[in-house]
């Protein structure tokens, strides 16, 4: 790596602060998108479970099969336990939230 002229503390601070602010803004967008995605996934799970299948065992089977397929495609993070949490998230926030984009 080539040696650069030392930056003043103020310049270094400003450059690092700009990098961090930019990353934070992007992560807020990603976090908001993931919250919205989880809410919509929860809604889909609830709608499938409620259409003619009142038995809890059926719902657990649906979630287990869905988790297996999603994990193969997207990797870790979509286990049956996490999908149950996502379903619960939807049930707690049925009306969505102010951050939803109206999807």
PDB file of N, CA and C in Angstrom:
ATOM      1  N   UNK A   1       0.839  -1.169   0.000  1.00  0.00           N
ATOM      2  CA  UNK A   1       0.000   0.000   0.000  1.00  0.00           C
ATOM      3  C   UNK A   1       0.891   1.240   0.000  1.00  0.00           C
ATOM      4  N   UNK A   2       0.520   2.224  -0.805  1.00  0.00           N
ATOM      5  CA  UNK A   2       1.299   3.450  -0.877  1.00  0.00           C
ATOM      6  C   UNK A   2       1.033   4.317   0.336  1.00  0.00           C
ATOM      7  N   UNK A   3       2.089   4.936   0.829  1.00  0.00           N
ATOM      8  CA  UNK A   3       1.938   5.841   1.966  1.00  0.00           C
ATOM      9  C   UNK A   3       1.344   7.151   1.465  1.00  0.00           C
ATOM     10  N   UNK A   4       0.326   7.616   2.182  1.00  0.00           N
ATOM     11  CA  UNK A   4      -0.298   8.891   1.837  1.00  0.00           C
ATOM     12  C   UNK A   4       0.094   9.924   2.871  1.00  0.00           C
ATOM     13  N   UNK A   5      -0.011  11.158   2.470  1.00  0.00           N
ATOM     14  CA  UNK A   5       0.255  12.232   3.417  1.00  0.00           C
ATOM     15  C   UNK A   5      -0.767  12.128   4.545  1.00  0.00           C
ATOM     16  N   UNK A   6      -0.336  12.325   5.776  1.00  0.00           N
ATOM     17  CA  UNK A   6      -1.269  12.200   6.899  1.00  0.00           C
ATOM     18  C   UNK A   6      -2.397  13.223   6.800  1.00  0.00           C
ATOM     19  N   UNK A   7      -3.586  12.753   7.121  1.00  0.00           N
ATOM     20  CA  UNK A   7      -4.740  13.645   7.150  1.00  0.00           C
ATOM     21  C   UNK A   7      -4.793  14.328   8.492  1.00  0.00           C
ATOM     22  N   UNK A   8      -5.315  15.500   8.497  1.00  0.00           N
ATOM     23  CA  UNK A   8      -5.510  16.142   9.787  1.00  0.00           C
ATOM     24  C   UNK A   8      -6.584  15.350  10.518  1.00  0.00           C
ATOM     25  N   UNK A   9      -6.613  15.445  11.826  1.00  0.00           N
ATOM     26  CA  UNK A   9      -7.618  14.740  12.606  1.00  0.00           C
ATOM     27  C   UNK A   9      -9.026  15.112  12.163  1.00  0.00           C
ATOM     28  N   UNK A  10      -9.235  16.384  11.861  1.00  0.00           N
ATOM     29  CA  UNK A  10     -10.567  16.823  11.455  1.00  0.00           C
ATOM     30  C   UNK A  10     -10.985  16.209  10.119  1.00  0.00           C
ATOM     31  N   UNK A  11     -10.071  16.175   9.161  1.00  0.00           N
ATOM     32  CA  UNK A  11     -10.386  15.583   7.860  1.00  0.00           C
ATOM     33  C   UNK A  11     -10.652  14.098   8.003  1.00  0.00           C
ATOM     34  N   UNK A  12      -9.816  13.423   8.761  1.00  0.00           N
ATOM     35  CA  UNK A  12      -9.997  11.993   8.982  1.00  0.00           C
ATOM     36  C   UNK A  12     -11.347  11.735   9.638  1.00  0.00           C
ATOM     37  N   UNK A  13     -11.646  12.509  10.672  1.00  0.00           N
ATOM     38  CA  UNK A  13     -12.929  12.369  11.365  1.00  0.00           C
ATOM     39  C   UNK A  13     -14.083  12.549  10.389  1.00  0.00           C
ATOM     40  N   UNK A  14     -14.059  13.592   9.578  1.00  0.00           N
ATOM     41  CA  UNK A  14     -15.143  13.870   8.635  1.00  0.00           C
ATOM     42  C   UNK A  14     -15.291  12.754   7.611  1.00  0.00           C
ATOM     43  N   UNK A  15     -14.190  12.238   7.098  1.00  0.00           N
ATOM     44  CA  UNK A  15     -14.260  11.166   6.100  1.00  0.00           C
ATOM     45  C   UNK A  15     -14.831   9.889   6.712  1.00  0.00           C
ATOM     46  N   UNK A  16     -14.362   9.551   7.905  1.00  0.00           N
ATOM     47  CA  UNK A  16     -14.871   8.356   8.578  1.00  0.00           C
ATOM     48  C   UNK A  16     -16.345   8.542   8.939  1.00  0.00           C
ATOM     49  N   UNK A  17     -16.701   9.706   9.434  1.00  0.00           N
ATOM     50  CA  UNK A  17     -18.093   9.996   9.781  1.00  0.00           C
ATOM     51  C   UNK A  17     -18.986   9.886   8.548  1.00  0.00           C
ATOM     52  N   UNK A  18     -18.531  10.376   7.391  1.00  0.00           N
ATOM     53  CA  UNK A  18     -19.306  10.265   6.154  1.00  0.00           C
ATOM     54  C   UNK A  18     -19.522   8.805   5.761  1.00  0.00           C
ATOM     55  N   UNK A  19     -18.483   8.009   5.885  1.00  0.00           N
ATOM     56  CA  UNK A  19     -18.597   6.577   5.569  1.00  0.00           C
ATOM     57  C   UNK A  19     -19.633   5.928   6.470  1.00  0.00           C
ATOM     58  N   UNK A  20     -19.556   6.216   7.765  1.00  0.00           N
ATOM     59  CA  UNK A  20     -20.477   5.600   8.724  1.00  0.00           C
ATOM     60  C   UNK A  20     -21.912   6.083   8.519  1.00  0.00           C
ATOM     61  N   UNK A  21     -22.096   7.373   8.248  1.00  0.00           N
ATOM     62  CA  UNK A  21     -23.444   7.893   7.991  1.00  0.00           C
ATOM     63  C   UNK A  21     -24.049   7.239   6.750  1.00  0.00           C
ATOM     64  N   UNK A  22     -23.249   7.089   5.730  1.00  0.00           N
ATOM     65  CA  UNK A  22     -23.723   6.451   4.506  1.00  0.00           C
ATOM     66  C   UNK A  22     -24.121   5.001   4.773  1.00  0.00           C
ATOM     67  N   UNK A  23     -23.293   4.286   5.521  1.00  0.00           N
ATOM     68  CA  UNK A  23     -23.598   2.888   5.847  1.00  0.00           C
ATOM     69  C   UNK A  23     -24.856   2.790   6.698  1.00  0.00           C
ATOM     70  N   UNK A  24     -25.012   3.692   7.645  1.00  0.00           N
ATOM     71  CA  UNK A  24     -26.212   3.679   8.496  1.00  0.00           C
ATOM     72  C   UNK A  24     -27.462   3.938   7.675  1.00  0.00           C
ATOM     73  N   UNK A  25     -27.396   4.870   6.757  1.00  0.00           N
ATOM     74  CA  UNK A  25     -28.560   5.165   5.918  1.00  0.00           C
ATOM     75  C   UNK A  25     -28.933   3.938   5.089  1.00  0.00           C
ATOM     76  N   UNK A  26     -27.939   3.265   4.537  1.00  0.00           N
ATOM     77  CA  UNK A  26     -28.203   2.063   3.746  1.00  0.00           C
ATOM     78  C   UNK A  26     -28.755   0.946   4.623  1.00  0.00           C
ATOM     79  N   UNK A  27     -28.216   0.792   5.828  1.00  0.00           N
ATOM     80  CA  UNK A  27     -28.691  -0.295   6.691  1.00  0.00           C
ATOM     81  C   UNK A  27     -30.115  -0.037   7.154  1.00  0.00           C
ATOM     82  N   UNK A  28     -30.489   1.226   7.363  1.00  0.00           N
ATOM     83  CA  UNK A  28     -31.883   1.532   7.726  1.00  0.00           C
ATOM     84  C   UNK A  28     -32.821   1.111   6.605  1.00  0.00           C
ATOM     85  N   UNK A  29     -32.418   1.366   5.380  1.00  0.00           N
ATOM     86  CA  UNK A  29     -33.228   0.970   4.235  1.00  0.00           C
ATOM     87  C   UNK A  29     -33.345  -0.544   4.167  1.00  0.00           C
ATOM     88  N   UNK A  30     -32.239  -1.234   4.355  1.00  0.00           N
ATOM     89  CA  UNK A  30     -32.253  -2.697   4.336  1.00  0.00           C
ATOM     90  C   UNK A  30     -33.099  -3.224   5.490  1.00  0.00           C
ATOM     91  N   UNK A  31     -32.921  -2.682   6.693  1.00  0.00           N
ATOM     92  CA  UNK A  31     -33.700  -3.131   7.845  1.00  0.00           C
ATOM     93  C   UNK A  31     -35.192  -2.912   7.619  1.00  0.00           C
ATOM     94  N   UNK A  32     -35.557  -1.753   7.086  1.00  0.00           N
ATOM     95  CA  UNK A  32     -36.963  -1.466   6.808  1.00  0.00           C
ATOM     96  C   UNK A  32     -37.507  -2.455   5.792  1.00  0.00           C
ATOM     97  N   UNK A  33     -36.741  -2.752   4.771  1.00  0.00           N
ATOM     98  CA  UNK A  33     -37.169  -3.716   3.759  1.00  0.00           C
ATOM     99  C   UNK A  33     -37.353  -5.100   4.349  1.00  0.00           C
ATOM    100  N   UNK A  34     -36.456  -5.500   5.246  1.00  0.00           N
ATOM    101  CA  UNK A  34     -36.569  -6.828   5.850  1.00  0.00           C
ATOM    102  C   UNK A  34     -37.748  -6.910   6.810  1.00  0.00           C
ATOM    103  N   UNK A  35     -38.030  -5.839   7.549  1.00  0.00           N
ATOM    104  CA  UNK A  35     -39.204  -5.825   8.425  1.00  0.00           C
ATOM    105  C   UNK A  35     -40.455  -5.982   7.569  1.00  0.00           C
ATOM    106  N   UNK A  36     -40.531  -5.237   6.491  1.00  0.00           N
ATOM    107  CA  UNK A  36     -41.672  -5.335   5.584  1.00  0.00           C
ATOM    108  C   UNK A  36     -41.769  -6.744   4.995  1.00  0.00           C
ATOM    109  N   UNK A  37     -40.654  -7.302   4.575  1.00  0.00           N
ATOM    110  CA  UNK A  37     -40.658  -8.657   3.996  1.00  0.00           C
ATOM    111  C   UNK A  37     -41.124  -9.677   5.024  1.00  0.00           C
ATOM    112  N   UNK A  38     -40.638  -9.573   6.251  1.00  0.00           N
ATOM    113  CA  UNK A  38     -41.055 -10.523   7.289  1.00  0.00           C
ATOM    114  C   UNK A  38     -42.543 -10.390   7.586  1.00  0.00           C
ATOM    115  N   UNK A  39     -43.068  -9.175   7.613  1.00  0.00           N
ATOM    116  CA  UNK A  39     -44.493  -8.976   7.849  1.00  0.00           C
ATOM    117  C   UNK A  39     -45.304  -9.649   6.740  1.00  0.00           C
ATOM    118  N   UNK A  40     -44.869  -9.449   5.494  1.00  0.00           N
ATOM    119  CA  UNK A  40     -45.595 -10.037   4.362  1.00  0.00           C
ATOM    120  C   UNK A  40     -45.470 -11.561   4.342  1.00  0.00           C
ATOM    121  N   UNK A  41     -44.300 -12.096   4.705  1.00  0.00           N
ATOM    122  CA  UNK A  41     -44.140 -13.556   4.796  1.00  0.00           C
ATOM    123  C   UNK A  41     -45.058 -14.103   5.879  1.00  0.00           C
ATOM    124  N   UNK A  42     -45.110 -13.432   7.023  1.00  0.00           N
ATOM    125  CA  UNK A  42     -46.006 -13.849   8.099  1.00  0.00           C
ATOM    126  C   UNK A  42     -47.446 -13.860   7.641  1.00  0.00           C
ATOM    127  N   UNK A  43     -47.839 -12.846   6.893  1.00  0.00           N
ATOM    128  CA  UNK A  43     -49.206 -12.782   6.366  1.00  0.00           C
ATOM    129  C   UNK A  43     -49.488 -13.960   5.446  1.00  0.00           C
ATOM    130  N   UNK A  44     -48.535 -14.290   4.582  1.00  0.00           N
ATOM    131  CA  UNK A  44     -48.718 -15.416   3.661  1.00  0.00           C
ATOM    132  C   UNK A  44     -48.882 -16.724   4.436  1.00  0.00           C
ATOM    133  N   UNK A  45     -48.054 -16.922   5.455  1.00  0.00           N
ATOM    134  CA  UNK A  45     -48.137 -18.145   6.246  1.00  0.00           C
ATOM    135  C   UNK A  45     -49.501 -18.235   6.924  1.00  0.00           C
ATOM    136  N   UNK A  46     -49.944 -17.150   7.537  1.00  0.00           N
ATOM    137  CA  UNK A  46     -51.235 -17.141   8.237  1.00  0.00           C
ATOM    138  C   UNK A  46     -52.369 -17.417   7.258  1.00  0.00           C
ATOM    139  N   UNK A  47     -52.330 -16.793   6.084  1.00  0.00           N
ATOM    140  CA  UNK A  47     -53.402 -16.995   5.114  1.00  0.00           C
ATOM    141  C   UNK A  47     -53.465 -18.437   4.643  1.00  0.00           C
ATOM    142  N   UNK A  48     -52.326 -19.089   4.436  1.00  0.00           N
ATOM    143  CA  UNK A  48     -52.313 -20.494   4.024  1.00  0.00           C
ATOM    144  C   UNK A  48     -52.869 -21.363   5.130  1.00  0.00           C
ATOM    145  N   UNK A  49     -52.453 -21.102   6.375  1.00  0.00           N
ATOM    146  CA  UNK A  49     -52.902 -21.916   7.503  1.00  0.00           C
ATOM    147  C   UNK A  49     -54.397 -21.758   7.763  1.00  0.00           C
ATOM    148  N   UNK A  50     -54.945 -20.597   7.533  1.00  0.00           N
ATOM    149  CA  UNK A  50     -56.329 -20.335   7.907  1.00  0.00           C
ATOM    150  C   UNK A  50     -57.328 -20.751   6.839  1.00  0.00           C
ATOM    151  N   UNK A  51     -56.905 -21.003   5.645  1.00  0.00           N
ATOM    152  CA  UNK A  51     -57.848 -21.363   4.582  1.00  0.00           C
ATOM    153  C   UNK A  51     -58.203 -22.843   4.647  1.00  0.00           C
ATOM    154  N   UNK A  52     -59.152 -23.153   5.496  1.00  0.00           N
ATOM    155  CA  UNK A  52     -59.691 -24.502   5.556  1.00  0.00           C
ATOM    156  C   UNK A  52     -58.921 -25.480   6.409  1.00  0.00           C
ATOM    157  N   UNK A  53     -57.882 -25.032   7.054  1.00  0.00           N
ATOM    158  CA  UNK A  53     -57.064 -25.939   7.860  1.00  0.00           C
ATOM    159  C   UNK A  53     -56.886 -25.366   9.250  1.00  0.00           C
ATOM    160  N   UNK A  54     -57.768 -25.757  10.136  1.00  0.00           N
ATOM    161  CA  UNK A  54     -57.746 -25.208  11.494  1.00  0.00           C
ATOM    162  C   UNK A  54     -56.800 -25.959  12.408  1.00  0.00           C
ATOM    163  N   UNK A  55     -56.363 -27.134  12.025  1.00  0.00           N
ATOM    164  CA  UNK A  55     -55.523 -27.943  12.918  1.00  0.00           C
ATOM    165  C   UNK A  55     -54.111 -27.390  13.015  1.00  0.00           C
ATOM    166  N   UNK A  56     -53.619 -27.280  14.222  1.00  0.00           N
ATOM    167  CA  UNK A  56     -52.265 -26.769  14.448  1.00  0.00           C
ATOM    168  C   UNK A  56     -51.225 -27.670  13.799  1.00  0.00           C
ATOM    169  N   UNK A  57     -51.457 -28.983  13.790  1.00  0.00           N
ATOM    170  CA  UNK A  57     -50.475 -29.898  13.211  1.00  0.00           C
ATOM    171  C   UNK A  57     -50.285 -29.615  11.726  1.00  0.00           C
ATOM    172  N   UNK A  58     -51.362 -29.263  11.034  1.00  0.00           N
ATOM    173  CA  UNK A  58     -51.244 -28.922   9.622  1.00  0.00           C
ATOM    174  C   UNK A  58     -50.346 -27.700   9.451  1.00  0.00           C
ATOM    175  N   UNK A  59     -50.585 -26.679  10.282  1.00  0.00           N
ATOM    176  CA  UNK A  59     -49.778 -25.473  10.205  1.00  0.00           C
ATOM    177  C   UNK A  59     -48.305 -25.750  10.463  1.00  0.00           C
ATOM    178  N   UNK A  60     -48.028 -26.606  11.416  1.00  0.00           N
ATOM    179  CA  UNK A  60     -46.633 -26.956  11.704  1.00  0.00           C
ATOM    180  C   UNK A  60     -46.003 -27.701  10.534  1.00  0.00           C
ATOM    181  N   UNK A  61     -46.775 -28.544   9.882  1.00  0.00           N
ATOM    182  CA  UNK A  61     -46.266 -29.264   8.709  1.00  0.00           C
ATOM    183  C   UNK A  61     -45.957 -28.286   7.577  1.00  0.00           C
ATOM    184  N   UNK A  62     -46.851 -27.333   7.377  1.00  0.00           N
ATOM    185  CA  UNK A  62     -46.636 -26.317   6.342  1.00  0.00           C
ATOM    186  C   UNK A  62     -45.354 -25.552   6.631  1.00  0.00           C
ATOM    187  N   UNK A  63     -45.192 -25.118   7.857  1.00  0.00           N
ATOM    188  CA  UNK A  63     -44.007 -24.342   8.231  1.00  0.00           C
ATOM    189  C   UNK A  63     -42.741 -25.178   8.083  1.00  0.00           C
ATOM    190  N   UNK A  64     -42.779 -26.435   8.494  1.00  0.00           N
ATOM    191  CA  UNK A  64     -41.597 -27.302   8.377  1.00  0.00           C
ATOM    192  C   UNK A  64     -41.195 -27.477   6.916  1.00  0.00           C
ATOM    193  N   UNK A  65     -42.167 -27.730   6.055  1.00  0.00           N
ATOM    194  CA  UNK A  65     -41.860 -27.902   4.622  1.00  0.00           C
ATOM    195  C   UNK A  65     -41.342 -26.598   4.016  1.00  0.00           C
ATOM    196  N   UNK A  66     -41.992 -25.495   4.371  1.00  0.00           N
ATOM    197  CA  UNK A  66     -41.567 -24.198   3.855  1.00  0.00           C
ATOM    198  C   UNK A  66     -40.144 -23.873   4.312  1.00  0.00           C
ATOM    199  N   UNK A  67     -39.856 -24.114   5.572  1.00  0.00           N
ATOM    200  CA  UNK A  67     -38.518 -23.838   6.115  1.00  0.00           C
ATOM    201  C   UNK A  67     -37.457 -24.640   5.373  1.00  0.00           C
ATOM    202  N   UNK A  68     -37.739 -25.874   5.116  1.00  0.00           N
ATOM    203  CA  UNK A  68     -36.773 -26.736   4.425  1.00  0.00           C
ATOM    204  C   UNK A  68     -36.479 -26.193   3.027  1.00  0.00           C
ATOM    205  N   UNK A  69     -37.529 -25.832   2.308  1.00  0.00           N
ATOM    206  CA  UNK A  69     -37.332 -25.327   0.946  1.00  0.00           C
ATOM    207  C   UNK A  69     -36.641 -23.967   0.939  1.00  0.00           C
ATOM    208  N   UNK A  70     -37.048 -23.070   1.837  1.00  0.00           N
ATOM    209  CA  UNK A  70     -36.436 -21.735   1.883  1.00  0.00           C
ATOM    210  C   UNK A  70     -34.977 -21.807   2.306  1.00  0.00           C
ATOM    211  N   UNK A  71     -34.661 -22.695   3.234  1.00  0.00           N
ATOM    212  CA  UNK A  71     -33.278 -22.837   3.682  1.00  0.00           C
ATOM    213  C   UNK A  71     -32.396 -23.343   2.551  1.00  0.00           C
ATOM    214  N   UNK A  72     -32.922 -24.260   1.740  1.00  0.00           N
ATOM    215  CA  UNK A  72     -32.142 -24.730   0.580  1.00  0.00           C
ATOM    216  C   UNK A  72     -31.851 -23.581  -0.377  1.00  0.00           C
ATOM    217  N   UNK A  73     -32.814 -22.696  -0.549  1.00  0.00           N
ATOM    218  CA  UNK A  73     -32.638 -21.607  -1.514  1.00  0.00           C
ATOM    219  C   UNK A  73     -31.887 -20.411  -0.947  1.00  0.00           C
ATOM    220  N   UNK A  74     -32.200 -20.022   0.306  1.00  0.00           N
ATOM    221  CA  UNK A  74     -31.663 -18.773   0.860  1.00  0.00           C
ATOM    222  C   UNK A  74     -30.638 -18.977   1.973  1.00  0.00           C
ATOM    223  N   UNK A  75     -30.434 -20.208   2.402  1.00  0.00           N
ATOM    224  CA  UNK A  75     -29.476 -20.468   3.471  1.00  0.00           C
ATOM    225  C   UNK A  75     -30.098 -20.292   4.847  1.00  0.00           C
ATOM    226  N   UNK A  76     -29.229 -20.171   5.828  1.00  0.00           N
ATOM    227  CA  UNK A  76     -29.676 -20.081   7.223  1.00  0.00           C
ATOM    228  C   UNK A  76     -30.567 -18.870   7.460  1.00  0.00           C
ATOM    229  N   UNK A  77     -31.334 -18.944   8.545  1.00  0.00           N
ATOM    230  CA  UNK A  77     -32.150 -17.809   8.950  1.00  0.00           C
ATOM    231  C   UNK A  77     -33.637 -18.010   8.726  1.00  0.00           C
ATOM    232  N   UNK A  78     -33.994 -19.055   8.005  1.00  0.00           N
ATOM    233  CA  UNK A  78     -35.406 -19.291   7.723  1.00  0.00           C
ATOM    234  C   UNK A  78     -35.832 -20.671   8.230  1.00  0.00           C
ATOM    235  N   UNK A  79     -35.382 -20.985   9.428  1.00  0.00           N
ATOM    236  CA  UNK A  79     -35.754 -22.249  10.062  1.00  0.00           C
ATOM    237  C   UNK A  79     -37.232 -22.229  10.418  1.00  0.00           C
ATOM    238  N   UNK A  80     -37.764 -23.387  10.765  1.00  0.00           N
ATOM    239  CA  UNK A  80     -39.168 -23.463  11.186  1.00  0.00           C
ATOM    240  C   UNK A  80     -39.408 -22.555  12.389  1.00  0.00           C
ATOM    241  N   UNK A  81     -38.472 -22.541  13.316  1.00  0.00           N
ATOM    242  CA  UNK A  81     -38.620 -21.679  14.501  1.00  0.00           C
ATOM    243  C   UNK A  81     -38.691 -20.203  14.095  1.00  0.00           C
ATOM    244  N   UNK A  82     -37.824 -19.783  13.180  1.00  0.00           N
ATOM    245  CA  UNK A  82     -37.857 -18.389  12.731  1.00  0.00           C
ATOM    246  C   UNK A  82     -39.133 -18.076  11.959  1.00  0.00           C
ATOM    247  N   UNK A  83     -39.613 -19.028  11.168  1.00  0.00           N
ATOM    248  CA  UNK A  83     -40.870 -18.797  10.451  1.00  0.00           C
ATOM    249  C   UNK A  83     -42.041 -18.678  11.418  1.00  0.00           C
ATOM    250  N   UNK A  84     -42.015 -19.433  12.510  1.00  0.00           N
ATOM    251  CA  UNK A  84     -43.064 -19.275  13.530  1.00  0.00           C
ATOM    252  C   UNK A  84     -42.982 -17.879  14.152  1.00  0.00           C
ATOM    253  N   UNK A  85     -41.768 -17.395  14.362  1.00  0.00           N
ATOM    254  CA  UNK A  85     -41.605 -16.035  14.896  1.00  0.00           C
ATOM    255  C   UNK A  85     -42.101 -14.991  13.899  1.00  0.00           C
ATOM    256  N   UNK A  86     -41.829 -15.204  12.629  1.00  0.00           N
ATOM    257  CA  UNK A  86     -42.287 -14.288  11.588  1.00  0.00           C
ATOM    258  C   UNK A  86     -43.813 -14.293  11.536  1.00  0.00           C
ATOM    259  N   UNK A  87     -44.413 -15.466  11.652  1.00  0.00           N
ATOM    260  CA  UNK A  87     -45.876 -15.571  11.692  1.00  0.00           C
ATOM    261  C   UNK A  87     -46.416 -14.805  12.894  1.00  0.00           C
ATOM    262  N   UNK A  88     -45.775 -14.975  14.040  1.00  0.00           N
ATOM    263  CA  UNK A  88     -46.208 -14.279  15.254  1.00  0.00           C
ATOM    264  C   UNK A  88     -46.070 -12.767  15.107  1.00  0.00           C
ATOM    265  N   UNK A  89     -45.006 -12.326  14.460  1.00  0.00           N
ATOM    266  CA  UNK A  89     -44.792 -10.901  14.197  1.00  0.00           C
ATOM    267  C   UNK A  89     -45.980 -10.339  13.425  1.00  0.00           C
ATOM    268  N   UNK A  90     -46.408 -11.046  12.385  1.00  0.00           N
ATOM    269  CA  UNK A  90     -47.563 -10.591  11.623  1.00  0.00           C
ATOM    270  C   UNK A  90     -48.802 -10.538  12.504  1.00  0.00           C
ATOM    271  N   UNK A  91     -49.022 -11.574  13.316  1.00  0.00           N
ATOM    272  CA  UNK A  91     -50.224 -11.626  14.148  1.00  0.00           C
ATOM    273  C   UNK A  91     -50.253 -10.497  15.179  1.00  0.00           C
ATOM    274  N   UNK A  92     -49.093 -10.113  15.667  1.00  0.00           N
ATOM    275  CA  UNK A  92     -49.026  -9.029  16.648  1.00  0.00           C
ATOM    276  C   UNK A  92     -49.271  -7.678  15.966  1.00  0.00           C
ATOM    277  N   UNK A  93     -48.793  -7.533  14.750  1.00  0.00           N
ATOM    278  CA  UNK A  93     -48.909  -6.269  14.020  1.00  0.00           C
ATOM    279  C   UNK A  93     -49.787  -6.453  12.781  1.00  0.00           C
ATOM    280  N   UNK A  94     -51.008  -6.887  12.984  1.00  0.00           N
ATOM    281  CA  UNK A  94     -51.917  -7.169  11.865  1.00  0.00           C
ATOM    282  C   UNK A  94     -52.098  -5.983  10.930  1.00  0.00           C
ATOM    283  N   UNK A  95     -52.122  -4.792  11.466  1.00  0.00           N
ATOM    284  CA  UNK A  95     -52.355  -3.608  10.640  1.00  0.00           C
ATOM    285  C   UNK A  95     -51.080  -3.102   9.988  1.00  0.00           C
ATOM    286  N   UNK A  96     -49.967  -3.770  10.211  1.00  0.00           N
ATOM    287  CA  UNK A  96     -48.702  -3.284   9.669  1.00  0.00           C
ATOM    288  C   UNK A  96     -48.161  -2.185  10.540  1.00  0.00           C
ATOM    289  N   UNK A  97     -47.368  -1.305   9.949  1.00  0.00           N
ATOM    290  CA  UNK A  97     -46.802  -0.208  10.717  1.00  0.00           C
ATOM    291  C   UNK A  97     -46.626   1.004   9.825  1.00  0.00           C
ATOM    292  N   UNK A  98     -46.218   2.078  10.409  1.00  0.00           N
ATOM    293  CA  UNK A  98     -46.031   3.317   9.654  1.00  0.00           C
ATOM    294  C   UNK A  98     -44.849   3.224   8.697  1.00  0.00           C
ATOM    295  N   UNK A  99     -43.966   2.240   8.865  1.00  0.00           N
ATOM    296  CA  UNK A  99     -42.821   2.140   7.961  1.00  0.00           C
ATOM    297  C   UNK A  99     -43.167   1.353   6.704  1.00  0.00           C
ATOM    298  N   UNK A 100     -44.306   0.690   6.699  1.00  0.00           N
ATOM    299  CA  UNK A 100     -44.666  -0.106   5.529  1.00  0.00           C
ATOM    300  C   UNK A 100     -44.857   0.787   4.315  1.00  0.00           C
ATOM    301  N   UNK A 101     -44.469   0.261   3.186  1.00  0.00           N
ATOM    302  CA  UNK A 101     -44.528   1.037   1.948  1.00  0.00           C
ATOM    303  C   UNK A 101     -45.856   0.873   1.224  1.00  0.00           C
ATOM    304  N   UNK A 102     -46.773   0.102   1.786  1.00  0.00           N
ATOM    305  CA  UNK A 102     -48.072  -0.089   1.159  1.00  0.00           C
ATOM    306  C   UNK A 102     -48.095  -1.239   0.176  1.00  0.00           C
ATOM    307  N   UNK A 103     -47.101  -2.139   0.233  1.00  0.00           N
ATOM    308  CA  UNK A 103     -47.033  -3.282  -0.676  1.00  0.00           C
ATOM    309  C   UNK A 103     -48.190  -4.213  -0.487  1.00  0.00           C
TER     310      UNK A 103
END
